Amino acid sequence: MRVVLIHGSVGNASVWSAVRRELEPRFEVVTPTRGGYPPGPLLDRIDFERQAEELAPELGEGAHLVGHSYGGVIA
């Protein structure tokens, strides 16, 4: 089973490191870094709908989706 973890507005995918370690023995864990966050270039404006569209392919068939803070808005 795949689990996709979407970070909020503070940090990037690395904020999920501890959670990822706990989940990896049982799940396929995906922690993408949203556009506009390091190590990628910063954006003047974050478009939640666009980010949701960009991250949708990560879901595959039947993935569990978890978002924190603004990551929850995208989820």
N, C-alpha and C. Protein backbone atom coordinates (compact mmCIF):
# COMPACT_ATOMS: atom_id res chain seq x y z
N MET A 1 0.85 -1.18 0.00
CA MET A 1 0.00 0.00 0.00
C MET A 1 0.89 1.23 0.00
N ARG A 2 0.55 2.18 -0.83
CA ARG A 2 1.31 3.42 -0.96
C ARG A 2 0.72 4.49 -0.03
N VAL A 3 1.61 5.25 0.61
CA VAL A 3 1.24 6.39 1.44
C VAL A 3 1.97 7.61 0.89
N VAL A 4 1.22 8.67 0.58
CA VAL A 4 1.79 9.91 0.06
C VAL A 4 1.64 10.98 1.14
N LEU A 5 2.78 11.52 1.58
CA LEU A 5 2.82 12.53 2.64
C LEU A 5 3.14 13.89 2.04
N ILE A 6 2.24 14.86 2.20
CA ILE A 6 2.40 16.19 1.62
C ILE A 6 2.74 17.19 2.73
N HIS A 7 3.88 17.83 2.64
CA HIS A 7 4.33 18.76 3.67
C HIS A 7 3.58 20.08 3.61
N GLY A 8 3.66 20.83 4.69
CA GLY A 8 3.02 22.14 4.79
C GLY A 8 3.92 23.25 4.29
N SER A 9 3.70 24.45 4.81
CA SER A 9 4.41 25.62 4.30
C SER A 9 5.76 25.86 4.98
N VAL A 10 6.08 25.10 5.99
CA VAL A 10 7.38 25.25 6.66
C VAL A 10 8.22 24.02 6.32
N GLY A 11 9.29 24.22 5.61
CA GLY A 11 10.18 23.11 5.26
C GLY A 11 9.83 22.51 3.92
N ASN A 12 10.28 21.27 3.74
CA ASN A 12 10.02 20.52 2.51
C ASN A 12 9.76 19.07 2.90
N ALA A 13 9.94 18.15 1.97
CA ALA A 13 9.64 16.75 2.25
C ALA A 13 10.45 16.18 3.41
N SER A 14 11.58 16.79 3.73
CA SER A 14 12.42 16.27 4.82
C SER A 14 11.73 16.33 6.18
N VAL A 15 10.67 17.14 6.32
CA VAL A 15 9.95 17.20 7.61
C VAL A 15 9.31 15.86 7.94
N TRP A 16 9.14 15.00 6.96
CA TRP A 16 8.53 13.69 7.17
C TRP A 16 9.54 12.60 7.50
N SER A 17 10.80 12.91 7.69
CA SER A 17 11.85 11.89 7.85
C SER A 17 11.54 10.87 8.94
N ALA A 18 11.18 11.32 10.12
CA ALA A 18 10.91 10.40 11.23
C ALA A 18 9.67 9.55 10.95
N VAL A 19 8.64 10.16 10.40
CA VAL A 19 7.41 9.43 10.08
C VAL A 19 7.70 8.41 8.99
N ARG A 20 8.48 8.82 8.02
CA ARG A 20 8.83 7.92 6.92
C ARG A 20 9.53 6.66 7.43
N ARG A 21 10.49 6.85 8.33
CA ARG A 21 11.21 5.69 8.89
C ARG A 21 10.26 4.72 9.57
N GLU A 22 9.27 5.23 10.26
CA GLU A 22 8.30 4.38 10.96
C GLU A 22 7.39 3.63 9.99
N LEU A 23 7.03 4.26 8.90
CA LEU A 23 6.07 3.68 7.96
C LEU A 23 6.70 2.74 6.93
N GLU A 24 7.96 2.97 6.58
CA GLU A 24 8.58 2.23 5.49
C GLU A 24 8.60 0.71 5.66
N PRO A 25 8.68 0.17 6.87
CA PRO A 25 8.63 -1.29 6.94
C PRO A 25 7.30 -1.89 6.47
N ARG A 26 6.23 -1.10 6.49
CA ARG A 26 4.90 -1.63 6.15
C ARG A 26 4.30 -1.04 4.88
N PHE A 27 4.80 0.11 4.42
CA PHE A 27 4.19 0.82 3.30
C PHE A 27 5.24 1.31 2.31
N GLU A 28 4.79 1.56 1.10
CA GLU A 28 5.60 2.29 0.13
C GLU A 28 5.32 3.77 0.42
N VAL A 29 6.32 4.51 0.87
CA VAL A 29 6.13 5.89 1.31
C VAL A 29 6.69 6.85 0.28
N VAL A 30 5.88 7.84 -0.10
CA VAL A 30 6.28 8.85 -1.08
C VAL A 30 6.18 10.20 -0.38
N THR A 31 7.27 10.96 -0.42
CA THR A 31 7.30 12.28 0.22
C THR A 31 7.82 13.32 -0.78
N PRO A 32 6.96 13.77 -1.68
CA PRO A 32 7.40 14.76 -2.67
C PRO A 32 7.60 16.14 -2.02
N THR A 33 8.52 16.90 -2.56
CA THR A 33 8.66 18.30 -2.16
C THR A 33 7.81 19.13 -3.11
N ARG A 34 6.92 19.93 -2.55
CA ARG A 34 6.04 20.78 -3.35
C ARG A 34 6.83 21.84 -4.09
N GLY A 35 6.31 22.25 -5.23
CA GLY A 35 6.93 23.32 -5.99
C GLY A 35 7.02 24.59 -5.16
N GLY A 36 8.13 25.29 -5.28
CA GLY A 36 8.33 26.54 -4.54
C GLY A 36 9.08 26.37 -3.24
N TYR A 37 9.50 25.13 -2.94
CA TYR A 37 10.22 24.85 -1.69
C TYR A 37 11.57 24.24 -2.02
N PRO A 38 12.58 24.51 -1.17
CA PRO A 38 13.92 23.98 -1.43
C PRO A 38 13.89 22.45 -1.55
N PRO A 39 14.69 21.90 -2.41
CA PRO A 39 15.82 22.50 -3.11
C PRO A 39 15.44 23.16 -4.43
N GLY A 40 14.17 23.17 -4.79
CA GLY A 40 13.74 23.82 -6.03
C GLY A 40 13.70 25.33 -5.87
N PRO A 41 13.45 26.02 -6.97
CA PRO A 41 13.37 27.48 -6.90
C PRO A 41 12.13 27.94 -6.15
N LEU A 42 12.24 29.06 -5.46
CA LEU A 42 11.11 29.64 -4.75
C LEU A 42 10.12 30.22 -5.76
N LEU A 43 8.85 30.23 -5.40
CA LEU A 43 7.80 30.81 -6.25
C LEU A 43 7.26 32.06 -5.58
N ASP A 44 6.82 33.02 -6.38
CA ASP A 44 6.21 34.23 -5.84
C ASP A 44 4.85 33.92 -5.22
N ARG A 45 4.16 32.94 -5.78
CA ARG A 45 2.82 32.60 -5.32
C ARG A 45 2.63 31.09 -5.40
N ILE A 46 2.06 30.51 -4.35
CA ILE A 46 1.75 29.08 -4.34
C ILE A 46 0.30 28.91 -4.79
N ASP A 47 0.09 28.11 -5.81
CA ASP A 47 -1.25 27.82 -6.32
C ASP A 47 -1.61 26.41 -5.88
N PHE A 48 -2.51 26.30 -4.89
CA PHE A 48 -2.85 25.00 -4.31
C PHE A 48 -3.47 24.06 -5.33
N GLU A 49 -4.33 24.58 -6.20
CA GLU A 49 -4.95 23.72 -7.21
C GLU A 49 -3.91 23.15 -8.16
N ARG A 50 -2.98 23.99 -8.57
CA ARG A 50 -1.92 23.53 -9.48
C ARG A 50 -1.05 22.47 -8.80
N GLN A 51 -0.71 22.71 -7.53
CA GLN A 51 0.11 21.73 -6.82
C GLN A 51 -0.63 20.41 -6.65
N ALA A 52 -1.94 20.47 -6.41
CA ALA A 52 -2.73 19.24 -6.31
C ALA A 52 -2.67 18.47 -7.63
N GLU A 53 -2.77 19.17 -8.74
CA GLU A 53 -2.68 18.53 -10.04
C GLU A 53 -1.30 17.93 -10.27
N GLU A 54 -0.26 18.63 -9.84
CA GLU A 54 1.11 18.13 -10.01
C GLU A 54 1.37 16.89 -9.17
N LEU A 55 0.75 16.81 -8.00
CA LEU A 55 0.99 15.69 -7.10
C LEU A 55 0.05 14.51 -7.33
N ALA A 56 -1.03 14.71 -8.05
CA ALA A 56 -2.03 13.66 -8.28
C ALA A 56 -1.43 12.37 -8.85
N PRO A 57 -0.49 12.42 -9.78
CA PRO A 57 0.08 11.18 -10.30
C PRO A 57 0.77 10.32 -9.24
N GLU A 58 1.18 10.90 -8.13
CA GLU A 58 1.83 10.14 -7.06
C GLU A 58 0.85 9.18 -6.37
N LEU A 59 -0.44 9.42 -6.51
CA LEU A 59 -1.43 8.61 -5.80
C LEU A 59 -1.53 7.19 -6.34
N GLY A 60 -1.37 7.02 -7.63
CA GLY A 60 -1.52 5.68 -8.19
C GLY A 60 -2.92 5.17 -7.90
N GLU A 61 -3.03 3.87 -7.67
CA GLU A 61 -4.32 3.25 -7.39
C GLU A 61 -4.48 3.03 -5.89
N GLY A 62 -5.37 3.79 -5.27
CA GLY A 62 -5.73 3.53 -3.89
C GLY A 62 -4.73 3.94 -2.83
N ALA A 63 -3.91 4.94 -3.08
CA ALA A 63 -2.93 5.38 -2.08
C ALA A 63 -3.63 6.10 -0.93
N HIS A 64 -3.02 6.02 0.23
CA HIS A 64 -3.44 6.84 1.37
C HIS A 64 -2.75 8.19 1.21
N LEU A 65 -3.50 9.26 1.40
CA LEU A 65 -2.97 10.61 1.22
C LEU A 65 -3.03 11.34 2.55
N VAL A 66 -1.88 11.88 2.98
CA VAL A 66 -1.78 12.60 4.25
C VAL A 66 -1.16 13.96 3.99
N GLY A 67 -1.78 15.01 4.50
CA GLY A 67 -1.23 16.34 4.35
C GLY A 67 -1.18 17.06 5.68
N HIS A 68 -0.13 17.82 5.89
CA HIS A 68 0.02 18.62 7.10
C HIS A 68 -0.09 20.10 6.75
N SER A 69 -0.87 20.85 7.51
CA SER A 69 -1.02 22.29 7.32
C SER A 69 -1.49 22.56 5.90
N TYR A 70 -0.79 23.41 5.14
CA TYR A 70 -1.22 23.67 3.76
C TYR A 70 -1.10 22.42 2.89
N GLY A 71 -0.31 21.47 3.28
CA GLY A 71 -0.29 20.18 2.59
C GLY A 71 -1.65 19.50 2.67
N GLY A 72 -2.39 19.75 3.77
CA GLY A 72 -3.74 19.22 3.91
C GLY A 72 -4.69 19.88 2.94
N VAL A 73 -4.49 21.15 2.66
CA VAL A 73 -5.32 21.85 1.66
C VAL A 73 -5.11 21.20 0.30
N ILE A 74 -3.88 20.91 -0.03
CA ILE A 74 -3.56 20.29 -1.31
C ILE A 74 -4.11 18.86 -1.37
N ALA A 75 -3.97 18.15 -0.26
CA ALA A 75 -4.49 16.77 -0.20
C ALA A 75 -5.99 16.76 -0.43
